[in-house]
N, C-alpha and C. Protein backbone atom coordinates (compact mmCIF):
# COMPACT_ATOMS: atom_id res chain seq x y z
N UNK A 1 0.86 -1.18 0.00
CA UNK A 1 0.00 0.00 0.00
C UNK A 1 0.90 1.23 0.00
N UNK A 2 0.60 2.18 -0.84
CA UNK A 2 1.43 3.37 -0.95
C UNK A 2 1.21 4.29 0.23
N UNK A 3 2.16 5.19 0.42
CA UNK A 3 2.06 6.15 1.52
C UNK A 3 0.84 7.04 1.35
N UNK A 4 0.56 7.44 0.11
CA UNK A 4 -0.58 8.32 -0.15
C UNK A 4 -1.87 7.62 0.22
N UNK A 5 -2.03 6.36 -0.21
CA UNK A 5 -3.25 5.63 0.10
C UNK A 5 -3.36 5.34 1.58
N UNK A 6 -2.22 4.99 2.21
CA UNK A 6 -2.23 4.60 3.59
C UNK A 6 -2.72 5.72 4.50
N UNK A 7 -2.38 6.95 4.17
CA UNK A 7 -2.74 8.06 5.04
C UNK A 7 -3.74 9.01 4.41
N UNK A 8 -4.32 8.61 3.27
CA UNK A 8 -5.37 9.39 2.61
C UNK A 8 -4.96 10.81 2.29
N UNK A 9 -3.77 11.01 1.80
CA UNK A 9 -3.36 12.34 1.36
C UNK A 9 -3.87 12.51 -0.05
N UNK A 10 -4.71 13.54 -0.28
CA UNK A 10 -5.43 13.67 -1.54
C UNK A 10 -4.86 14.71 -2.49
N UNK A 11 -3.95 15.54 -2.08
CA UNK A 11 -3.48 16.56 -3.01
C UNK A 11 -2.01 16.85 -2.76
N UNK A 12 -1.43 17.54 -3.71
CA UNK A 12 -0.03 17.93 -3.59
C UNK A 12 0.16 18.84 -2.40
N UNK A 13 -0.84 19.68 -2.08
CA UNK A 13 -0.74 20.59 -0.94
C UNK A 13 -0.58 19.81 0.36
N UNK A 14 -1.15 18.63 0.41
CA UNK A 14 -1.05 17.84 1.63
C UNK A 14 0.40 17.46 1.91
N UNK A 15 1.21 17.34 0.85
CA UNK A 15 2.60 16.96 1.03
C UNK A 15 3.35 17.99 1.87
N UNK A 16 3.00 19.25 1.69
CA UNK A 16 3.70 20.31 2.41
C UNK A 16 3.44 20.26 3.91
N UNK A 17 2.34 19.66 4.32
CA UNK A 17 1.95 19.66 5.72
C UNK A 17 1.96 18.27 6.33
N UNK A 18 2.66 17.33 5.68
CA UNK A 18 2.65 15.97 6.19
C UNK A 18 3.34 15.89 7.55
N UNK A 19 2.72 15.23 8.49
CA UNK A 19 3.42 14.95 9.73
C UNK A 19 4.49 13.90 9.42
N UNK A 20 5.73 14.30 9.38
CA UNK A 20 6.80 13.48 8.85
C UNK A 20 6.97 12.14 9.56
N UNK A 21 6.66 12.02 10.81
CA UNK A 21 6.87 10.76 11.52
C UNK A 21 5.83 9.71 11.18
N UNK A 22 4.74 10.07 10.50
CA UNK A 22 3.71 9.09 10.19
C UNK A 22 4.08 8.22 9.00
N UNK A 23 4.94 8.69 8.12
CA UNK A 23 5.35 7.89 6.98
C UNK A 23 6.45 6.93 7.42
N UNK A 24 6.38 5.67 7.02
CA UNK A 24 7.36 4.68 7.49
C UNK A 24 8.81 5.05 7.17
N UNK A 25 9.07 5.50 5.94
CA UNK A 25 10.46 5.83 5.60
C UNK A 25 10.94 7.07 6.36
N UNK A 26 10.05 8.01 6.57
CA UNK A 26 10.41 9.21 7.32
C UNK A 26 10.64 8.86 8.78
N UNK A 27 9.82 7.98 9.31
CA UNK A 27 9.99 7.54 10.70
C UNK A 27 11.33 6.83 10.85
N UNK A 28 11.69 6.01 9.88
CA UNK A 28 12.98 5.32 9.92
C UNK A 28 14.12 6.33 9.87
N UNK A 29 14.03 7.31 9.00
CA UNK A 29 15.10 8.30 8.89
C UNK A 29 15.23 9.09 10.19
N UNK A 30 14.11 9.44 10.79
CA UNK A 30 14.13 10.19 12.05
C UNK A 30 14.76 9.34 13.16
N UNK A 31 14.41 8.06 13.18
CA UNK A 31 14.98 7.16 14.19
C UNK A 31 16.49 7.02 13.99
N UNK A 32 16.91 6.94 12.72
CA UNK A 32 18.34 6.83 12.45
C UNK A 32 19.07 8.10 12.86
N UNK A 33 18.50 9.25 12.57
CA UNK A 33 19.14 10.50 12.96
C UNK A 33 19.15 10.67 14.47
N UNK A 34 18.08 10.29 15.12
CA UNK A 34 18.05 10.36 16.59
C UNK A 34 19.10 9.44 17.20
N UNK A 35 19.20 8.22 16.65
CA UNK A 35 20.22 7.28 17.14
C UNK A 35 21.62 7.80 16.89
N UNK A 36 21.81 8.42 15.72
CA UNK A 36 23.12 8.98 15.42
C UNK A 36 23.48 10.12 16.35
N UNK A 37 22.51 10.97 16.70
CA UNK A 37 22.82 12.08 17.61
C UNK A 37 23.01 11.58 19.02
N UNK A 38 22.38 10.47 19.42
CA UNK A 38 22.59 9.91 20.75
C UNK A 38 23.99 9.31 20.86
N UNK A 39 24.46 8.72 19.78
CA UNK A 39 25.81 8.16 19.80
C UNK A 39 26.88 9.26 19.72
N UNK A 40 26.50 10.39 19.16
CA UNK A 40 27.41 11.52 19.13
C UNK A 40 28.11 11.69 17.80
N UNK A 41 28.59 12.93 17.58
CA UNK A 41 29.28 13.28 16.34
C UNK A 41 30.66 12.63 16.24
N UNK A 42 31.26 12.32 17.39
CA UNK A 42 32.61 11.75 17.38
C UNK A 42 32.60 10.27 16.99
N UNK A 43 31.48 9.60 17.19
CA UNK A 43 31.35 8.17 16.91
C UNK A 43 31.16 7.96 15.41
N UNK A 44 31.92 7.01 14.89
CA UNK A 44 31.80 6.68 13.47
C UNK A 44 30.41 6.12 13.15
N UNK A 45 29.89 5.28 14.01
CA UNK A 45 28.54 4.72 13.81
C UNK A 45 27.50 5.82 13.93
N UNK A 46 27.70 6.75 14.84
CA UNK A 46 26.77 7.88 15.00
C UNK A 46 26.72 8.72 13.74
N UNK A 47 27.92 9.04 13.19
CA UNK A 47 27.96 9.83 11.95
C UNK A 47 27.31 9.06 10.81
N UNK A 48 27.59 7.76 10.75
CA UNK A 48 27.02 6.91 9.68
C UNK A 48 25.50 6.87 9.78
N UNK A 49 24.97 6.74 10.97
CA UNK A 49 23.51 6.71 11.15
C UNK A 49 22.89 8.05 10.78
N UNK A 50 23.58 9.13 11.12
CA UNK A 50 23.06 10.46 10.80
C UNK A 50 23.02 10.67 9.28
N UNK A 51 24.09 10.31 8.59
CA UNK A 51 24.16 10.45 7.14
C UNK A 51 23.12 9.54 6.47
N UNK A 52 23.03 8.31 6.95
CA UNK A 52 22.02 7.39 6.37
C UNK A 52 20.61 7.88 6.67
N UNK A 53 20.39 8.46 7.81
CA UNK A 53 19.08 9.01 8.15
C UNK A 53 18.70 10.16 7.22
N UNK A 54 19.67 11.02 6.90
CA UNK A 54 19.41 12.10 5.95
C UNK A 54 19.09 11.55 4.57
N UNK A 55 19.84 10.54 4.15
CA UNK A 55 19.59 9.92 2.84
C UNK A 55 18.20 9.27 2.81
N UNK A 56 17.85 8.59 3.90
CA UNK A 56 16.54 7.96 3.97
C UNK A 56 15.42 9.00 3.95
N UNK A 57 15.65 10.14 4.57
CA UNK A 57 14.67 11.23 4.56
C UNK A 57 14.47 11.76 3.14
N UNK A 58 15.58 11.92 2.40
CA UNK A 58 15.45 12.36 1.00
C UNK A 58 14.70 11.33 0.16
N UNK A 59 14.97 10.05 0.40
CA UNK A 59 14.25 9.00 -0.32
C UNK A 59 12.75 9.05 0.00
N UNK A 60 12.42 9.26 1.25
CA UNK A 60 11.02 9.34 1.65
C UNK A 60 10.34 10.53 0.97
N UNK A 61 11.04 11.65 0.90
CA UNK A 61 10.48 12.83 0.24
C UNK A 61 10.26 12.56 -1.25
N UNK A 62 11.22 11.93 -1.89
CA UNK A 62 11.09 11.60 -3.32
C UNK A 62 9.92 10.64 -3.55
N UNK A 63 9.80 9.65 -2.67
CA UNK A 63 8.70 8.70 -2.81
C UNK A 63 7.36 9.40 -2.66
N UNK A 64 7.24 10.27 -1.70
CA UNK A 64 5.99 10.98 -1.49
C UNK A 64 5.67 11.90 -2.68
N UNK A 65 6.67 12.61 -3.17
CA UNK A 65 6.46 13.47 -4.33
C UNK A 65 6.04 12.65 -5.55
N UNK A 66 6.67 11.49 -5.71
CA UNK A 66 6.31 10.61 -6.82
C UNK A 66 4.87 10.15 -6.70
N UNK A 67 4.45 9.74 -5.51
CA UNK A 67 3.08 9.26 -5.33
C UNK A 67 2.06 10.38 -5.52
N UNK A 68 2.37 11.57 -5.08
CA UNK A 68 1.46 12.70 -5.28
C UNK A 68 1.35 13.02 -6.77
N UNK A 69 2.46 13.02 -7.47
CA UNK A 69 2.45 13.28 -8.91
C UNK A 69 1.71 12.17 -9.65
N UNK A 70 1.91 10.93 -9.24
CA UNK A 70 1.20 9.81 -9.85
C UNK A 70 -0.30 9.97 -9.68
N UNK A 71 -0.73 10.35 -8.50
CA UNK A 71 -2.16 10.56 -8.27
C UNK A 71 -2.69 11.70 -9.12
N UNK A 72 -1.95 12.80 -9.17
CA UNK A 72 -2.40 13.97 -9.92
C UNK A 72 -2.41 13.71 -11.43
N UNK A 73 -1.38 13.05 -11.94
CA UNK A 73 -1.24 12.90 -13.39
C UNK A 73 -1.95 11.67 -13.96
N UNK A 74 -2.18 10.65 -13.14
CA UNK A 74 -2.76 9.41 -13.66
C UNK A 74 -4.08 9.05 -12.98
N UNK A 75 -4.08 8.98 -11.67
CA UNK A 75 -5.27 8.50 -10.97
C UNK A 75 -6.45 9.46 -11.07
N UNK A 76 -6.22 10.75 -10.92
CA UNK A 76 -7.32 11.70 -11.02
C UNK A 76 -7.94 11.74 -12.43
N UNK A 77 -7.13 11.77 -13.51
CA UNK A 77 -7.74 11.70 -14.85
C UNK A 77 -8.50 10.39 -15.10
N UNK A 78 -7.97 9.28 -14.61
CA UNK A 78 -8.68 8.00 -14.76
C UNK A 78 -9.99 8.02 -13.99
N UNK A 79 -9.98 8.60 -12.81
CA UNK A 79 -11.19 8.71 -12.01
C UNK A 79 -12.22 9.58 -12.74
N UNK A 80 -11.78 10.69 -13.32
CA UNK A 80 -12.66 11.56 -14.10
C UNK A 80 -13.26 10.78 -15.26
N UNK A 81 -12.44 10.00 -15.92
CA UNK A 81 -12.91 9.20 -17.05
C UNK A 81 -13.95 8.18 -16.60
N UNK A 82 -13.67 7.49 -15.51
CA UNK A 82 -14.57 6.42 -15.06
C UNK A 82 -15.87 6.95 -14.48
N UNK A 83 -15.81 8.06 -13.76
CA UNK A 83 -17.00 8.54 -13.05
C UNK A 83 -17.82 9.55 -13.84
N UNK A 84 -17.22 10.26 -14.79
CA UNK A 84 -17.95 11.30 -15.50
C UNK A 84 -18.03 11.02 -16.99
N UNK A 85 -16.88 10.86 -17.62
CA UNK A 85 -16.85 10.78 -19.08
C UNK A 85 -17.53 9.52 -19.64
N UNK A 86 -17.20 8.36 -19.09
CA UNK A 86 -17.78 7.12 -19.62
C UNK A 86 -19.30 7.08 -19.42
N UNK A 87 -19.82 7.45 -18.23
CA UNK A 87 -21.29 7.48 -18.12
C UNK A 87 -21.95 8.45 -19.11
N UNK A 88 -21.30 9.60 -19.36
CA UNK A 88 -21.85 10.54 -20.35
C UNK A 88 -21.86 9.92 -21.75
N UNK A 89 -20.79 9.26 -22.10
CA UNK A 89 -20.70 8.62 -23.42
C UNK A 89 -21.77 7.54 -23.55
N UNK A 90 -21.94 6.74 -22.51
CA UNK A 90 -22.95 5.68 -22.56
C UNK A 90 -24.36 6.26 -22.68
N UNK A 91 -24.61 7.34 -21.97
CA UNK A 91 -25.92 8.00 -22.05
C UNK A 91 -26.16 8.54 -23.47
N UNK A 92 -25.13 9.14 -24.06
CA UNK A 92 -25.25 9.67 -25.42
C UNK A 92 -25.43 8.55 -26.44
N UNK A 93 -24.74 7.44 -26.24
CA UNK A 93 -24.90 6.32 -27.17
C UNK A 93 -26.30 5.73 -27.09
N UNK A 94 -26.84 5.69 -25.88
CA UNK A 94 -28.21 5.20 -25.72
C UNK A 94 -29.19 6.14 -26.43
N UNK A 95 -28.95 7.44 -26.29
CA UNK A 95 -29.78 8.43 -26.98
C UNK A 95 -29.66 8.27 -28.49
N UNK A 96 -28.44 8.04 -28.98
CA UNK A 96 -28.24 7.84 -30.42
C UNK A 96 -28.99 6.60 -30.91
N UNK A 97 -28.92 5.53 -30.15
CA UNK A 97 -29.63 4.30 -30.55
C UNK A 97 -31.13 4.57 -30.65
N UNK A 98 -31.68 5.33 -29.71
CA UNK A 98 -33.10 5.68 -29.75
C UNK A 98 -33.41 6.52 -30.99
N UNK A 99 -32.56 7.49 -31.28
CA UNK A 99 -32.79 8.34 -32.45
C UNK A 99 -32.68 7.56 -33.75
N UNK A 100 -31.77 6.59 -33.81
CA UNK A 100 -31.64 5.75 -35.00
C UNK A 100 -32.91 4.92 -35.18
N UNK A 101 -33.44 4.40 -34.08
CA UNK A 101 -34.70 3.65 -34.18
C UNK A 101 -35.84 4.56 -34.67
N UNK A 102 -35.88 5.79 -34.16
CA UNK A 102 -36.90 6.74 -34.62
C UNK A 102 -36.74 7.01 -36.11
N UNK A 103 -35.50 7.18 -36.55
CA UNK A 103 -35.25 7.42 -37.98
C UNK A 103 -35.69 6.22 -38.82
N UNK A 104 -35.30 5.02 -38.38
CA UNK A 104 -35.67 3.82 -39.12
C UNK A 104 -37.19 3.68 -39.22
N UNK A 105 -37.87 3.99 -38.15
CA UNK A 105 -39.33 3.92 -38.14
C UNK A 105 -39.93 4.95 -39.10
N UNK A 106 -39.42 6.18 -39.06
CA UNK A 106 -39.91 7.23 -39.95
C UNK A 106 -39.62 6.86 -41.41
N UNK A 107 -38.49 6.30 -41.67
CA UNK A 107 -38.13 5.89 -43.04
C UNK A 107 -39.04 4.77 -43.53
N UNK A 108 -39.31 3.80 -42.65
CA UNK A 108 -40.20 2.70 -43.03
C UNK A 108 -41.60 3.23 -43.33
N UNK A 109 -42.10 4.17 -42.52
CA UNK A 109 -43.42 4.75 -42.77
C UNK A 109 -43.43 5.51 -44.10
N UNK A 110 -42.35 6.25 -44.36
CA UNK A 110 -42.27 7.01 -45.62
C UNK A 110 -42.23 6.07 -46.82
N UNK A 111 -41.41 5.00 -46.72
CA UNK A 111 -41.33 4.04 -47.84
C UNK A 111 -42.68 3.37 -48.08
N UNK A 112 -43.35 3.00 -47.01
CA UNK A 112 -44.66 2.36 -47.15
C UNK A 112 -45.66 3.32 -47.81
N UNK A 113 -45.65 4.58 -47.35
CA UNK A 113 -46.57 5.56 -47.94
C UNK A 113 -46.21 5.84 -49.40
N UNK A 114 -44.91 5.86 -49.71
CA UNK A 114 -44.48 6.11 -51.10
C UNK A 114 -44.96 4.99 -52.02
N UNK A 115 -44.93 3.77 -51.55
CA UNK A 115 -45.37 2.64 -52.36
C UNK A 115 -46.89 2.67 -52.56
N UNK A 116 -47.60 3.21 -51.58
CA UNK A 116 -49.06 3.19 -51.65
C UNK A 116 -49.63 4.34 -52.48
N UNK A 117 -48.79 5.25 -52.97
CA UNK A 117 -49.27 6.36 -53.80
C UNK A 117 -49.99 5.83 -55.04
N UNK A 118 -49.43 4.81 -55.64
CA UNK A 118 -49.97 4.30 -56.90
C UNK A 118 -51.33 3.63 -56.73
N UNK A 119 -51.63 3.16 -55.55
CA UNK A 119 -52.88 2.44 -55.32
C UNK A 119 -53.92 3.29 -54.59
N UNK A 120 -53.59 4.55 -54.36
CA UNK A 120 -54.47 5.42 -53.59
C UNK A 120 -55.62 5.95 -54.44
N UNK A 121 -56.77 6.09 -53.79
CA UNK A 121 -57.92 6.69 -54.46
C UNK A 121 -57.89 8.21 -54.31
N UNK A 122 -57.31 8.69 -53.22
CA UNK A 122 -57.20 10.13 -52.98
C UNK A 122 -55.73 10.52 -53.16
N UNK A 123 -55.33 10.77 -54.39
CA UNK A 123 -53.94 10.99 -54.75
C UNK A 123 -53.34 12.19 -54.03
N UNK A 124 -54.03 13.31 -53.99
CA UNK A 124 -53.48 14.53 -53.36
C UNK A 124 -53.26 14.36 -51.86
N UNK A 125 -54.18 13.71 -51.18
CA UNK A 125 -54.02 13.48 -49.74
C UNK A 125 -52.85 12.54 -49.49
N UNK A 126 -52.68 11.54 -50.31
CA UNK A 126 -51.58 10.60 -50.14
C UNK A 126 -50.24 11.29 -50.39
N UNK A 127 -50.17 12.13 -51.42
CA UNK A 127 -48.94 12.87 -51.70
C UNK A 127 -48.60 13.79 -50.53
N UNK A 128 -49.59 14.44 -49.98
CA UNK A 128 -49.36 15.32 -48.82
C UNK A 128 -48.85 14.51 -47.63
N UNK A 129 -49.44 13.33 -47.44
CA UNK A 129 -48.99 12.46 -46.34
C UNK A 129 -47.55 12.02 -46.57
N UNK A 130 -47.20 11.67 -47.81
CA UNK A 130 -45.83 11.25 -48.14
C UNK A 130 -44.86 12.40 -47.87
N UNK A 131 -45.24 13.61 -48.24
CA UNK A 131 -44.37 14.77 -47.99
C UNK A 131 -44.17 15.00 -46.49
N UNK A 132 -45.26 14.86 -45.74
CA UNK A 132 -45.16 15.01 -44.28
C UNK A 132 -44.25 13.95 -43.69
N UNK A 133 -44.40 12.72 -44.14
CA UNK A 133 -43.54 11.63 -43.66
C UNK A 133 -42.09 11.84 -44.08
N UNK A 134 -41.89 12.39 -45.27
CA UNK A 134 -40.52 12.70 -45.74
C UNK A 134 -39.89 13.75 -44.84
N UNK A 135 -40.67 14.78 -44.47
CA UNK A 135 -40.16 15.81 -43.55
C UNK A 135 -39.82 15.22 -42.19
N UNK A 136 -40.67 14.32 -41.69
CA UNK A 136 -40.39 13.65 -40.41
C UNK A 136 -39.11 12.83 -40.50
N UNK A 137 -38.95 12.13 -41.62
CA UNK A 137 -37.76 11.31 -41.81
C UNK A 137 -36.50 12.20 -41.86
N UNK A 138 -36.57 13.31 -42.59
CA UNK A 138 -35.43 14.23 -42.67
C UNK A 138 -35.10 14.82 -41.30
N UNK A 139 -36.13 15.17 -40.54
CA UNK A 139 -35.92 15.71 -39.20
C UNK A 139 -35.27 14.67 -38.29
N UNK A 140 -35.73 13.42 -38.39
CA UNK A 140 -35.14 12.34 -37.59
C UNK A 140 -33.68 12.12 -37.99
N UNK A 141 -33.38 12.19 -39.29
CA UNK A 141 -32.00 12.04 -39.75
C UNK A 141 -31.13 13.18 -39.23
N UNK A 142 -31.66 14.40 -39.23
CA UNK A 142 -30.90 15.54 -38.70
C UNK A 142 -30.59 15.34 -37.22
N UNK A 143 -31.56 14.82 -36.46
CA UNK A 143 -31.34 14.56 -35.04
C UNK A 143 -30.25 13.51 -34.84
N UNK A 144 -30.26 12.47 -35.68
CA UNK A 144 -29.23 11.43 -35.60
C UNK A 144 -27.86 12.05 -35.87
N UNK A 145 -27.75 12.85 -36.92
CA UNK A 145 -26.47 13.48 -37.26
C UNK A 145 -25.99 14.42 -36.15
N UNK A 146 -26.90 15.18 -35.57
CA UNK A 146 -26.52 16.08 -34.47
C UNK A 146 -26.05 15.28 -33.27
N UNK A 147 -26.71 14.20 -32.97
CA UNK A 147 -26.31 13.36 -31.83
C UNK A 147 -24.94 12.73 -32.09
N UNK A 148 -24.69 12.31 -33.32
CA UNK A 148 -23.36 11.77 -33.66
C UNK A 148 -22.28 12.82 -33.41
N UNK A 149 -22.56 14.06 -33.81
CA UNK A 149 -21.61 15.15 -33.57
C UNK A 149 -21.42 15.41 -32.09
N UNK A 150 -22.52 15.31 -31.33
CA UNK A 150 -22.44 15.51 -29.88
C UNK A 150 -21.62 14.41 -29.21
N UNK A 151 -21.62 13.23 -29.78
CA UNK A 151 -20.83 12.12 -29.23
C UNK A 151 -19.36 12.27 -29.61
N UNK A 152 -19.10 12.67 -30.84
CA UNK A 152 -17.72 12.74 -31.32
C UNK A 152 -16.92 13.85 -30.64
N UNK A 153 -17.52 15.00 -30.41
CA UNK A 153 -16.78 16.12 -29.84
C UNK A 153 -16.19 15.80 -28.46
N UNK A 154 -16.97 15.27 -27.50
CA UNK A 154 -16.37 14.93 -26.21
C UNK A 154 -15.35 13.81 -26.32
N UNK A 155 -15.56 12.86 -27.24
CA UNK A 155 -14.60 11.77 -27.39
C UNK A 155 -13.24 12.29 -27.85
N UNK A 156 -13.25 13.24 -28.76
CA UNK A 156 -11.99 13.84 -29.22
C UNK A 156 -11.33 14.59 -28.06
N UNK A 157 -12.12 15.30 -27.29
CA UNK A 157 -11.59 16.03 -26.13
C UNK A 157 -10.97 15.07 -25.10
N UNK A 158 -11.62 13.95 -24.87
CA UNK A 158 -11.11 12.94 -23.92
C UNK A 158 -9.80 12.37 -24.43
N UNK A 159 -9.74 12.08 -25.73
CA UNK A 159 -8.51 11.53 -26.29
C UNK A 159 -7.37 12.54 -26.20
N UNK A 160 -7.65 13.81 -26.36
CA UNK A 160 -6.61 14.82 -26.26
C UNK A 160 -6.11 14.95 -24.82
N UNK A 161 -6.99 14.76 -23.84
CA UNK A 161 -6.59 14.85 -22.43
C UNK A 161 -5.69 13.70 -22.05
N UNK A 162 -5.93 12.53 -22.65
CA UNK A 162 -5.15 11.35 -22.28
C UNK A 162 -3.85 11.42 -23.01
């Protein structure tokens, strides 16, 4: 488990205010430095523990910075994608499927009416009905095309973000 997950640090700002002893590597570095200062500056082991404690502290800082950057650059965009973008895309695709069905239905009605012109007793009324159905079909097709555009624009934006 990473340090960020273990202590629920959610932003880069949190790094500046981290209680340093709570992170395992930082606690180790502090213990090494404390042990080195207890042994004294004249002791070779004391100096070695102090230097190693400083190195361990730098490693802990690098690890924390890496985890914060990883969360900011990878985890947050993936979370945005999973919680916002994908549900929006699925909702739009469902809407597109409905509009395509509406278009197919309008087209089938128009084709049926177009075929029945030749057998109609009231030619002018049938032609008017065919024209009305043609307008409905064109309107349904325009809605399908607009919905396709509405789906493509956010997808391009998402791809550019990634």
